[in-house]
Amino acid sequence: MPLILFNKPFQVMCQFSSHATRETLADYITIPDIYPAGRLDADSEGLLLLTDDGKLQHNISHPTLKQPKTYLAQVDGVPNKAMLMQLRNGLDLGDFTTLPCEVHQVQEPDWLWPRTPPIRERLSQPTSWLAITIIEGKNRQVRRMTAAVGLPTLRLIRISIGKISLATHPLWPGESREIAPSELMNM
């Protein structure tokens, strides 16, 4: 029963089946019969957990189990207190209202890899980094949240799921490693 940590690169599809124009998980992981426990869209990077154990996959990804997932979001602009409070308290995004979450403005981590291709930079418009921890995971949720408060996301990196973090299990984009499922105790 392998549990694989994978640092999904930008523009890689979160699927094993082939894609007409993009790389997929199959271009990086050759272990048979494993599947991602949750997904990241092609524009997002970072931590993905994969397993062949259906129960473990369910425990990691099912929304009712409310596993915290932390993202680093590089946003266009500088948040003020009101924007951060809106994000923390939950937002009506039209088709659903987000649950309250943790949001902090942070410095860009020194362990963060450069993105290829790099994000666009405008000297007249500063960017900021936010650490956002949510317990749900609707489609493009973090991007929609930051846009709703006037801070469009330029770069989005999932850095942790539950107790597993890229800070404690460093991997470069495209790298993977197997860990013991026991490391996910209390999930």
N, C-alpha and C. Protein backbone atom coordinates (compact mmCIF):
# COMPACT_ATOMS: atom_id res chain seq x y z
N MET A 1 0.84 -1.17 0.00
CA MET A 1 0.00 0.00 0.00
C MET A 1 0.89 1.24 0.00
N PRO A 2 1.35 1.67 -1.15
CA PRO A 2 2.21 2.86 -1.15
C PRO A 2 1.42 4.14 -0.92
N LEU A 3 2.07 5.09 -0.27
CA LEU A 3 1.56 6.45 -0.17
C LEU A 3 2.66 7.33 -0.76
N ILE A 4 2.35 7.97 -1.86
CA ILE A 4 3.34 8.73 -2.61
C ILE A 4 3.07 10.22 -2.43
N LEU A 5 4.12 10.96 -2.08
CA LEU A 5 4.08 12.42 -2.09
C LEU A 5 4.64 12.85 -3.43
N PHE A 6 3.97 13.75 -4.09
CA PHE A 6 4.41 14.23 -5.40
C PHE A 6 4.27 15.74 -5.42
N ASN A 7 5.29 16.42 -5.93
CA ASN A 7 5.23 17.86 -6.11
C ASN A 7 4.83 18.10 -7.57
N LYS A 8 3.55 18.39 -7.77
CA LYS A 8 3.02 18.55 -9.12
C LYS A 8 3.51 19.86 -9.74
N PRO A 9 4.17 19.76 -10.88
CA PRO A 9 4.61 20.98 -11.55
C PRO A 9 3.44 21.75 -12.18
N PHE A 10 3.67 23.01 -12.44
CA PHE A 10 2.74 23.88 -13.15
C PHE A 10 2.42 23.28 -14.51
N GLN A 11 1.16 23.31 -14.89
CA GLN A 11 0.63 22.87 -16.18
C GLN A 11 0.58 21.35 -16.36
N VAL A 12 0.84 20.58 -15.33
CA VAL A 12 0.69 19.12 -15.41
C VAL A 12 -0.75 18.78 -15.02
N MET A 13 -1.38 17.93 -15.81
CA MET A 13 -2.76 17.52 -15.54
C MET A 13 -2.78 16.46 -14.43
N CYS A 14 -3.75 16.53 -13.57
CA CYS A 14 -3.89 15.63 -12.42
C CYS A 14 -4.66 14.37 -12.84
N GLN A 15 -4.11 13.66 -13.81
CA GLN A 15 -4.73 12.45 -14.34
C GLN A 15 -3.63 11.56 -14.90
N PHE A 16 -3.93 10.28 -15.01
CA PHE A 16 -2.97 9.35 -15.60
C PHE A 16 -3.25 9.11 -17.08
N SER A 17 -4.48 9.35 -17.52
CA SER A 17 -4.77 9.19 -18.93
C SER A 17 -4.08 10.29 -19.73
N SER A 18 -3.82 10.02 -20.99
CA SER A 18 -3.07 10.99 -21.79
C SER A 18 -3.90 12.25 -22.04
N HIS A 19 -3.19 13.32 -22.31
CA HIS A 19 -3.82 14.60 -22.63
C HIS A 19 -3.20 15.09 -23.93
N ALA A 20 -3.99 15.74 -24.76
CA ALA A 20 -3.53 16.13 -26.09
C ALA A 20 -2.39 17.14 -26.07
N THR A 21 -2.35 18.03 -25.08
CA THR A 21 -1.36 19.11 -25.13
C THR A 21 -0.51 19.25 -23.87
N ARG A 22 -0.80 18.51 -22.82
CA ARG A 22 -0.07 18.69 -21.56
C ARG A 22 0.45 17.38 -20.99
N GLU A 23 1.47 17.51 -20.16
CA GLU A 23 1.96 16.35 -19.42
C GLU A 23 0.91 15.95 -18.38
N THR A 24 0.97 14.68 -17.98
CA THR A 24 0.06 14.16 -16.96
C THR A 24 0.89 13.49 -15.87
N LEU A 25 0.23 12.99 -14.85
CA LEU A 25 0.91 12.28 -13.77
C LEU A 25 1.70 11.09 -14.31
N ALA A 26 1.22 10.46 -15.38
CA ALA A 26 1.89 9.31 -15.96
C ALA A 26 3.28 9.64 -16.50
N ASP A 27 3.53 10.91 -16.79
CA ASP A 27 4.86 11.32 -17.24
C ASP A 27 5.87 11.38 -16.10
N TYR A 28 5.39 11.28 -14.86
CA TYR A 28 6.25 11.40 -13.69
C TYR A 28 6.21 10.19 -12.77
N ILE A 29 5.08 9.49 -12.72
CA ILE A 29 4.90 8.40 -11.76
C ILE A 29 4.58 7.13 -12.52
N THR A 30 5.39 6.10 -12.29
CA THR A 30 5.22 4.85 -13.02
C THR A 30 4.70 3.70 -12.15
N ILE A 31 4.37 3.99 -10.91
CA ILE A 31 3.83 2.95 -10.01
C ILE A 31 2.42 2.61 -10.49
N PRO A 32 2.13 1.32 -10.72
CA PRO A 32 0.81 0.96 -11.24
C PRO A 32 -0.28 1.06 -10.17
N ASP A 33 -1.50 1.32 -10.64
CA ASP A 33 -2.72 1.25 -9.82
C ASP A 33 -2.76 2.21 -8.63
N ILE A 34 -2.13 3.37 -8.76
CA ILE A 34 -2.31 4.38 -7.72
C ILE A 34 -3.08 5.56 -8.31
N TYR A 35 -3.73 6.28 -7.42
CA TYR A 35 -4.59 7.38 -7.85
C TYR A 35 -4.42 8.56 -6.91
N PRO A 36 -4.63 9.76 -7.41
CA PRO A 36 -4.50 10.93 -6.54
C PRO A 36 -5.64 10.99 -5.52
N ALA A 37 -5.28 11.38 -4.32
CA ALA A 37 -6.27 11.62 -3.26
C ALA A 37 -6.52 13.13 -3.27
N GLY A 38 -7.42 13.57 -4.12
CA GLY A 38 -7.65 14.99 -4.34
C GLY A 38 -6.99 15.41 -5.64
N ARG A 39 -7.21 16.65 -6.02
CA ARG A 39 -6.70 17.12 -7.30
C ARG A 39 -6.13 18.53 -7.15
N LEU A 40 -5.35 18.90 -8.13
CA LEU A 40 -4.90 20.28 -8.31
C LEU A 40 -5.15 20.61 -9.77
N ASP A 41 -5.65 21.81 -10.06
CA ASP A 41 -5.85 22.16 -11.46
C ASP A 41 -4.50 22.37 -12.14
N ALA A 42 -4.51 22.42 -13.45
CA ALA A 42 -3.26 22.51 -14.21
C ALA A 42 -2.45 23.75 -13.84
N ASP A 43 -3.12 24.85 -13.49
CA ASP A 43 -2.43 26.09 -13.16
C ASP A 43 -1.86 26.12 -11.75
N SER A 44 -2.16 25.11 -10.96
CA SER A 44 -1.68 25.05 -9.58
C SER A 44 -0.52 24.08 -9.47
N GLU A 45 0.30 24.31 -8.47
CA GLU A 45 1.49 23.49 -8.24
C GLU A 45 1.41 22.91 -6.83
N GLY A 46 2.31 21.97 -6.55
CA GLY A 46 2.52 21.58 -5.17
C GLY A 46 2.10 20.18 -4.83
N LEU A 47 1.85 20.00 -3.53
CA LEU A 47 1.70 18.69 -2.91
C LEU A 47 0.45 17.96 -3.39
N LEU A 48 0.68 16.74 -3.82
CA LEU A 48 -0.37 15.82 -4.20
C LEU A 48 -0.03 14.49 -3.54
N LEU A 49 -1.02 13.84 -2.94
CA LEU A 49 -0.82 12.52 -2.36
C LEU A 49 -1.50 11.49 -3.25
N LEU A 50 -0.81 10.36 -3.47
CA LEU A 50 -1.35 9.30 -4.31
C LEU A 50 -1.24 7.98 -3.56
N THR A 51 -2.24 7.11 -3.75
CA THR A 51 -2.24 5.82 -3.08
C THR A 51 -3.05 4.81 -3.88
N ASP A 52 -2.85 3.54 -3.56
CA ASP A 52 -3.68 2.48 -4.14
C ASP A 52 -4.73 1.99 -3.15
N ASP A 53 -4.79 2.59 -1.98
CA ASP A 53 -5.71 2.19 -0.91
C ASP A 53 -6.94 3.10 -0.94
N GLY A 54 -8.08 2.55 -1.32
CA GLY A 54 -9.31 3.33 -1.45
C GLY A 54 -9.74 3.99 -0.16
N LYS A 55 -9.58 3.29 0.96
CA LYS A 55 -9.98 3.86 2.25
C LYS A 55 -9.08 5.04 2.62
N LEU A 56 -7.79 4.89 2.40
CA LEU A 56 -6.86 5.97 2.69
C LEU A 56 -7.13 7.16 1.76
N GLN A 57 -7.38 6.88 0.50
CA GLN A 57 -7.70 7.94 -0.46
C GLN A 57 -8.93 8.72 0.01
N HIS A 58 -9.94 8.00 0.47
CA HIS A 58 -11.16 8.63 0.99
C HIS A 58 -10.85 9.49 2.22
N ASN A 59 -10.04 8.96 3.14
CA ASN A 59 -9.72 9.69 4.37
C ASN A 59 -8.93 10.97 4.10
N ILE A 60 -8.17 10.99 3.03
CA ILE A 60 -7.38 12.18 2.68
C ILE A 60 -8.24 13.22 1.98
N SER A 61 -9.08 12.77 1.05
CA SER A 61 -9.71 13.72 0.14
C SER A 61 -11.18 14.03 0.39
N HIS A 62 -11.88 13.22 1.14
CA HIS A 62 -13.32 13.45 1.25
C HIS A 62 -13.63 14.70 2.06
N PRO A 63 -14.49 15.58 1.53
CA PRO A 63 -14.75 16.86 2.20
C PRO A 63 -15.34 16.74 3.60
N THR A 64 -16.08 15.66 3.89
CA THR A 64 -16.68 15.55 5.22
C THR A 64 -15.64 15.29 6.30
N LEU A 65 -14.45 14.85 5.92
CA LEU A 65 -13.39 14.58 6.90
C LEU A 65 -12.57 15.83 7.20
N LYS A 66 -12.76 16.87 6.41
CA LYS A 66 -12.23 18.21 6.66
C LYS A 66 -10.73 18.24 6.97
N GLN A 67 -9.95 17.62 6.10
CA GLN A 67 -8.50 17.71 6.23
C GLN A 67 -8.03 19.11 5.84
N PRO A 68 -7.27 19.76 6.70
CA PRO A 68 -6.78 21.10 6.32
C PRO A 68 -5.77 21.01 5.18
N LYS A 69 -5.91 21.91 4.26
CA LYS A 69 -4.98 22.02 3.13
C LYS A 69 -4.49 23.46 3.10
N THR A 70 -3.16 23.62 3.09
CA THR A 70 -2.58 24.96 3.11
C THR A 70 -1.97 25.27 1.76
N TYR A 71 -2.26 26.47 1.29
CA TYR A 71 -1.79 26.96 0.00
C TYR A 71 -1.01 28.24 0.20
N LEU A 72 0.01 28.42 -0.61
CA LEU A 72 0.66 29.72 -0.75
C LEU A 72 0.11 30.34 -2.02
N ALA A 73 -0.43 31.53 -1.89
CA ALA A 73 -0.98 32.23 -3.05
C ALA A 73 -0.22 33.53 -3.25
N GLN A 74 0.41 33.67 -4.40
CA GLN A 74 1.00 34.95 -4.77
C GLN A 74 -0.12 35.73 -5.45
N VAL A 75 -0.46 36.88 -4.89
CA VAL A 75 -1.60 37.63 -5.40
C VAL A 75 -1.15 38.97 -5.97
N ASP A 76 -1.97 39.46 -6.87
CA ASP A 76 -1.74 40.74 -7.52
C ASP A 76 -2.28 41.83 -6.61
N GLY A 77 -1.41 42.57 -5.95
CA GLY A 77 -1.82 43.62 -5.04
C GLY A 77 -1.38 43.33 -3.62
N VAL A 78 -1.75 44.23 -2.72
CA VAL A 78 -1.39 44.12 -1.30
C VAL A 78 -2.69 44.11 -0.49
N PRO A 79 -2.90 43.07 0.31
CA PRO A 79 -4.16 43.00 1.07
C PRO A 79 -4.19 44.02 2.20
N ASN A 80 -5.39 44.47 2.50
CA ASN A 80 -5.58 45.28 3.70
C ASN A 80 -6.31 44.41 4.73
N LYS A 81 -6.51 44.95 5.93
CA LYS A 81 -7.15 44.16 6.99
C LYS A 81 -8.55 43.71 6.61
N ALA A 82 -9.30 44.57 5.92
CA ALA A 82 -10.66 44.21 5.53
C ALA A 82 -10.66 43.03 4.56
N MET A 83 -9.74 43.01 3.60
CA MET A 83 -9.65 41.90 2.65
C MET A 83 -9.33 40.59 3.37
N LEU A 84 -8.36 40.65 4.29
CA LEU A 84 -7.98 39.45 5.03
C LEU A 84 -9.15 38.95 5.88
N MET A 85 -9.89 39.87 6.49
CA MET A 85 -11.05 39.49 7.31
C MET A 85 -12.13 38.85 6.45
N GLN A 86 -12.38 39.40 5.25
CA GLN A 86 -13.36 38.80 4.35
C GLN A 86 -12.97 37.37 4.01
N LEU A 87 -11.70 37.16 3.68
CA LEU A 87 -11.23 35.81 3.36
C LEU A 87 -11.40 34.87 4.55
N ARG A 88 -11.05 35.34 5.74
CA ARG A 88 -11.13 34.50 6.94
C ARG A 88 -12.56 34.11 7.29
N ASN A 89 -13.49 35.04 7.11
CA ASN A 89 -14.86 34.82 7.56
C ASN A 89 -15.70 34.00 6.61
N GLY A 90 -15.24 33.80 5.40
CA GLY A 90 -16.02 33.08 4.40
C GLY A 90 -16.65 34.05 3.42
N LEU A 91 -16.73 33.63 2.18
CA LEU A 91 -17.21 34.48 1.10
C LEU A 91 -18.32 33.81 0.34
N ASP A 92 -19.31 34.60 -0.07
CA ASP A 92 -20.34 34.10 -0.98
C ASP A 92 -19.77 34.20 -2.39
N LEU A 93 -19.51 33.06 -3.00
CA LEU A 93 -18.95 33.03 -4.35
C LEU A 93 -20.01 32.77 -5.41
N GLY A 94 -21.26 32.94 -5.05
CA GLY A 94 -22.35 32.74 -6.01
C GLY A 94 -22.94 31.35 -5.92
N ASP A 95 -22.15 30.34 -6.26
CA ASP A 95 -22.66 28.97 -6.23
C ASP A 95 -22.45 28.30 -4.87
N PHE A 96 -21.65 28.88 -3.99
CA PHE A 96 -21.49 28.40 -2.63
C PHE A 96 -20.82 29.48 -1.79
N THR A 97 -20.95 29.33 -0.48
CA THR A 97 -20.28 30.23 0.46
C THR A 97 -19.17 29.43 1.13
N THR A 98 -17.97 30.00 1.11
CA THR A 98 -16.82 29.29 1.69
C THR A 98 -16.94 29.24 3.21
N LEU A 99 -16.37 28.22 3.80
CA LEU A 99 -16.29 28.13 5.24
C LEU A 99 -15.20 29.07 5.75
N PRO A 100 -15.27 29.47 7.01
CA PRO A 100 -14.17 30.26 7.56
C PRO A 100 -12.85 29.51 7.40
N CYS A 101 -11.77 30.28 7.24
CA CYS A 101 -10.46 29.66 7.03
C CYS A 101 -9.38 30.53 7.69
N GLU A 102 -8.17 30.03 7.68
CA GLU A 102 -7.03 30.78 8.19
C GLU A 102 -6.35 31.47 7.02
N VAL A 103 -6.03 32.74 7.18
CA VAL A 103 -5.34 33.50 6.15
C VAL A 103 -4.33 34.42 6.83
N HIS A 104 -3.10 34.39 6.34
CA HIS A 104 -2.05 35.27 6.86
C HIS A 104 -1.22 35.78 5.69
N GLN A 105 -0.84 37.04 5.75
CA GLN A 105 0.12 37.54 4.78
C GLN A 105 1.49 37.06 5.23
N VAL A 106 2.29 36.52 4.29
CA VAL A 106 3.60 35.95 4.61
C VAL A 106 4.63 36.44 3.61
N GLN A 107 5.88 36.23 3.95
CA GLN A 107 6.97 36.48 3.01
C GLN A 107 7.11 35.26 2.11
N GLU A 108 7.60 35.47 0.90
CA GLU A 108 7.88 34.33 0.02
C GLU A 108 8.89 33.42 0.70
N PRO A 109 8.59 32.13 0.85
CA PRO A 109 9.52 31.22 1.52
C PRO A 109 10.84 31.10 0.77
N ASP A 110 11.95 31.01 1.50
CA ASP A 110 13.25 30.88 0.85
C ASP A 110 13.45 29.52 0.21
N TRP A 111 12.63 28.53 0.57
CA TRP A 111 12.76 27.19 -0.01
C TRP A 111 11.93 27.03 -1.29
N LEU A 112 11.17 28.06 -1.67
CA LEU A 112 10.30 27.95 -2.82
C LEU A 112 11.08 27.96 -4.14
N TRP A 113 10.74 27.06 -5.01
CA TRP A 113 11.37 26.92 -6.31
C TRP A 113 10.83 27.98 -7.28
N PRO A 114 11.61 28.35 -8.28
CA PRO A 114 11.08 29.27 -9.30
C PRO A 114 10.08 28.55 -10.19
N ARG A 115 9.08 29.27 -10.64
CA ARG A 115 8.10 28.66 -11.54
C ARG A 115 8.57 28.81 -12.97
N THR A 116 8.32 27.77 -13.76
CA THR A 116 8.63 27.79 -15.19
C THR A 116 7.32 27.59 -15.95
N PRO A 117 6.89 28.57 -16.75
CA PRO A 117 7.49 29.88 -16.92
C PRO A 117 7.17 30.77 -15.72
N PRO A 118 7.99 31.81 -15.51
CA PRO A 118 7.73 32.69 -14.37
C PRO A 118 6.43 33.47 -14.55
N ILE A 119 5.88 33.94 -13.45
CA ILE A 119 4.68 34.78 -13.55
C ILE A 119 5.08 36.11 -14.15
N ARG A 120 4.11 36.81 -14.71
CA ARG A 120 4.41 38.12 -15.26
C ARG A 120 4.62 39.10 -14.10
N GLU A 121 5.48 40.05 -14.31
CA GLU A 121 5.72 41.06 -13.29
C GLU A 121 5.49 42.44 -13.87
N ARG A 122 4.82 43.27 -13.07
CA ARG A 122 4.61 44.67 -13.44
C ARG A 122 5.23 45.52 -12.34
N LEU A 123 6.15 46.36 -12.71
CA LEU A 123 6.81 47.19 -11.71
C LEU A 123 5.85 48.13 -11.01
N SER A 124 4.77 48.51 -11.69
CA SER A 124 3.81 49.44 -11.10
C SER A 124 2.80 48.75 -10.18
N GLN A 125 2.76 47.42 -10.18
CA GLN A 125 1.78 46.69 -9.37
C GLN A 125 2.50 45.68 -8.47
N PRO A 126 2.53 45.91 -7.16
CA PRO A 126 3.20 44.97 -6.27
C PRO A 126 2.41 43.66 -6.13
N THR A 127 3.11 42.63 -5.73
CA THR A 127 2.46 41.36 -5.42
C THR A 127 2.70 41.05 -3.94
N SER A 128 1.88 40.16 -3.41
CA SER A 128 1.98 39.73 -2.01
C SER A 128 1.80 38.22 -1.96
N TRP A 129 2.20 37.63 -0.84
CA TRP A 129 2.01 36.21 -0.61
C TRP A 129 1.05 36.01 0.56
N LEU A 130 0.11 35.09 0.39
CA LEU A 130 -0.81 34.72 1.44
C LEU A 130 -0.68 33.23 1.72
N ALA A 131 -0.73 32.86 2.99
CA ALA A 131 -0.87 31.45 3.38
C ALA A 131 -2.34 31.26 3.74
N ILE A 132 -3.00 30.35 3.01
CA ILE A 132 -4.44 30.14 3.18
C ILE A 132 -4.67 28.67 3.50
N THR A 133 -5.31 28.41 4.65
CA THR A 133 -5.63 27.04 5.04
C THR A 133 -7.14 26.87 5.02
N ILE A 134 -7.59 25.94 4.19
CA ILE A 134 -9.02 25.65 4.05
C ILE A 134 -9.28 24.21 4.45
N ILE A 135 -10.54 23.91 4.79
CA ILE A 135 -10.90 22.53 5.12
C ILE A 135 -11.89 21.97 4.10
N GLU A 136 -12.13 22.73 3.07
CA GLU A 136 -12.94 22.24 1.96
C GLU A 136 -12.06 22.31 0.73
N GLY A 137 -12.55 22.07 -0.41
CA GLY A 137 -11.70 22.12 -1.59
C GLY A 137 -12.52 22.10 -2.85
N LYS A 138 -13.35 23.08 -3.00
CA LYS A 138 -14.17 23.16 -4.20
C LYS A 138 -13.31 23.62 -5.39
N ASN A 139 -13.81 23.40 -6.59
CA ASN A 139 -13.07 23.70 -7.81
C ASN A 139 -12.60 25.16 -7.83
N ARG A 140 -11.29 25.35 -7.94
CA ARG A 140 -10.65 26.66 -8.04
C ARG A 140 -11.02 27.59 -6.89
N GLN A 141 -11.28 27.03 -5.73
CA GLN A 141 -11.78 27.78 -4.60
C GLN A 141 -10.86 28.91 -4.16
N VAL A 142 -9.59 28.63 -3.94
CA VAL A 142 -8.68 29.67 -3.44
C VAL A 142 -8.56 30.79 -4.47
N ARG A 143 -8.45 30.46 -5.72
CA ARG A 143 -8.37 31.49 -6.77
C ARG A 143 -9.63 32.36 -6.77
N ARG A 144 -10.78 31.73 -6.64
CA ARG A 144 -12.03 32.47 -6.62
C ARG A 144 -12.14 33.35 -5.38
N MET A 145 -11.65 32.86 -4.25
CA MET A 145 -11.70 33.64 -3.01
C MET A 145 -10.85 34.90 -3.12
N THR A 146 -9.61 34.76 -3.57
CA THR A 146 -8.74 35.93 -3.64
C THR A 146 -9.26 36.93 -4.67
N ALA A 147 -9.78 36.44 -5.79
CA ALA A 147 -10.33 37.34 -6.80
C ALA A 147 -11.54 38.10 -6.25
N ALA A 148 -12.35 37.44 -5.44
CA ALA A 148 -13.56 38.07 -4.90
C ALA A 148 -13.25 39.27 -4.01
N VAL A 149 -12.06 39.29 -3.42
CA VAL A 149 -11.69 40.43 -2.56
C VAL A 149 -10.76 41.40 -3.28
N GLY A 150 -10.57 41.20 -4.59
CA GLY A 150 -9.76 42.13 -5.37
C GLY A 150 -8.28 41.83 -5.42
N LEU A 151 -7.92 40.56 -5.14
CA LEU A 151 -6.52 40.14 -5.16
C LEU A 151 -6.37 38.90 -6.05
N PRO A 152 -6.38 39.06 -7.36
CA PRO A 152 -6.29 37.88 -8.24
C PRO A 152 -5.02 37.07 -7.96
N THR A 153 -5.18 35.76 -7.96
CA THR A 153 -4.04 34.86 -7.72
C THR A 153 -3.19 34.77 -8.99
N LEU A 154 -1.90 34.97 -8.81
CA LEU A 154 -0.93 34.83 -9.90
C LEU A 154 -0.26 33.46 -9.88
N ARG A 155 -0.05 32.94 -8.68
CA ARG A 155 0.62 31.64 -8.50
C ARG A 155 0.00 30.98 -7.28
N LEU A 156 -0.30 29.67 -7.40
CA LEU A 156 -0.93 28.94 -6.31
C LEU A 156 -0.19 27.62 -6.09
N ILE A 157 0.25 27.42 -4.85
CA ILE A 157 1.04 26.24 -4.50
C ILE A 157 0.45 25.60 -3.25
N ARG A 158 0.02 24.33 -3.36
CA ARG A 158 -0.42 23.63 -2.14
C ARG A 158 0.83 23.13 -1.44
N ILE A 159 0.98 23.53 -0.19
CA ILE A 159 2.19 23.16 0.54
C ILE A 159 1.95 22.11 1.62
N SER A 160 0.68 21.88 2.01
CA SER A 160 0.44 20.82 2.99
C SER A 160 -0.97 20.27 2.89
N ILE A 161 -1.07 19.01 3.29
CA ILE A 161 -2.35 18.31 3.43
C ILE A 161 -2.27 17.63 4.78
N GLY A 162 -3.15 18.00 5.70
CA GLY A 162 -3.07 17.45 7.05
C GLY A 162 -1.71 17.74 7.64
N LYS A 163 -1.05 16.70 8.15
CA LYS A 163 0.26 16.86 8.77
C LYS A 163 1.41 16.77 7.77
N ILE A 164 1.14 16.43 6.53
CA ILE A 164 2.19 16.26 5.53
C ILE A 164 2.45 17.59 4.83
N SER A 165 3.71 18.01 4.80
CA SER A 165 4.06 19.33 4.26
C SER A 165 5.30 19.25 3.39
N LEU A 166 5.33 20.09 2.36
CA LEU A 166 6.55 20.19 1.55
C LEU A 166 7.69 20.84 2.33
N ALA A 167 7.37 21.55 3.40
CA ALA A 167 8.43 22.13 4.23
C ALA A 167 9.19 21.05 4.99
N THR A 168 8.50 19.98 5.40
CA THR A 168 9.16 18.89 6.13
C THR A 168 9.52 17.71 5.23
N HIS A 169 8.94 17.65 4.05
CA HIS A 169 9.23 16.61 3.06
C HIS A 169 9.58 17.32 1.74
N PRO A 170 10.73 18.00 1.69
CA PRO A 170 11.03 18.82 0.51
C PRO A 170 11.16 17.99 -0.77
N LEU A 171 10.48 18.48 -1.80
CA LEU A 171 10.54 17.87 -3.13
C LEU A 171 10.55 19.00 -4.15
N TRP A 172 11.36 18.86 -5.17
CA TRP A 172 11.32 19.80 -6.29
C TRP A 172 10.18 19.42 -7.20
N PRO A 173 9.69 20.32 -8.02
CA PRO A 173 8.61 19.98 -8.95
C PRO A 173 8.99 18.76 -9.80
N GLY A 174 8.05 17.82 -9.86
CA GLY A 174 8.26 16.59 -10.61
C GLY A 174 8.86 15.47 -9.78
N GLU A 175 9.30 15.75 -8.57
CA GLU A 175 9.87 14.71 -7.71
C GLU A 175 8.77 14.08 -6.86
N SER A 176 9.01 12.82 -6.50
CA SER A 176 8.08 12.10 -5.63
C SER A 176 8.88 11.26 -4.65
N ARG A 177 8.20 10.86 -3.61
CA ARG A 177 8.80 9.95 -2.64
C ARG A 177 7.70 9.18 -1.94
N GLU A 178 8.03 7.97 -1.54
CA GLU A 178 7.08 7.16 -0.80
C GLU A 178 7.28 7.40 0.69
N ILE A 179 6.18 7.48 1.42
CA ILE A 179 6.23 7.57 2.87
C ILE A 179 5.34 6.51 3.45
N ALA A 180 5.51 6.25 4.73
CA ALA A 180 4.67 5.27 5.41
C ALA A 180 3.30 5.89 5.67
N PRO A 181 2.23 5.16 5.38
CA PRO A 181 0.90 5.69 5.68
C PRO A 181 0.73 6.08 7.14
N SER A 182 1.53 5.49 8.03
CA SER A 182 1.45 5.85 9.45
C SER A 182 1.79 7.32 9.71
N GLU A 183 2.51 7.97 8.76
CA GLU A 183 2.81 9.38 8.91
C GLU A 183 1.55 10.23 8.83
N LEU A 184 0.46 9.64 8.36
CA LEU A 184 -0.80 10.36 8.26
C LEU A 184 -1.70 10.06 9.46
N MET A 185 -1.14 9.51 10.52
CA MET A 185 -1.95 9.21 11.71
C MET A 185 -2.71 10.45 12.12
N ASN A 186 -3.87 10.23 12.70
CA ASN A 186 -4.78 11.30 13.12
C ASN A 186 -5.44 11.96 11.93
N MET A 187 -5.42 11.34 10.78
CA MET A 187 -6.17 11.90 9.65
C MET A 187 -7.56 11.35 9.67
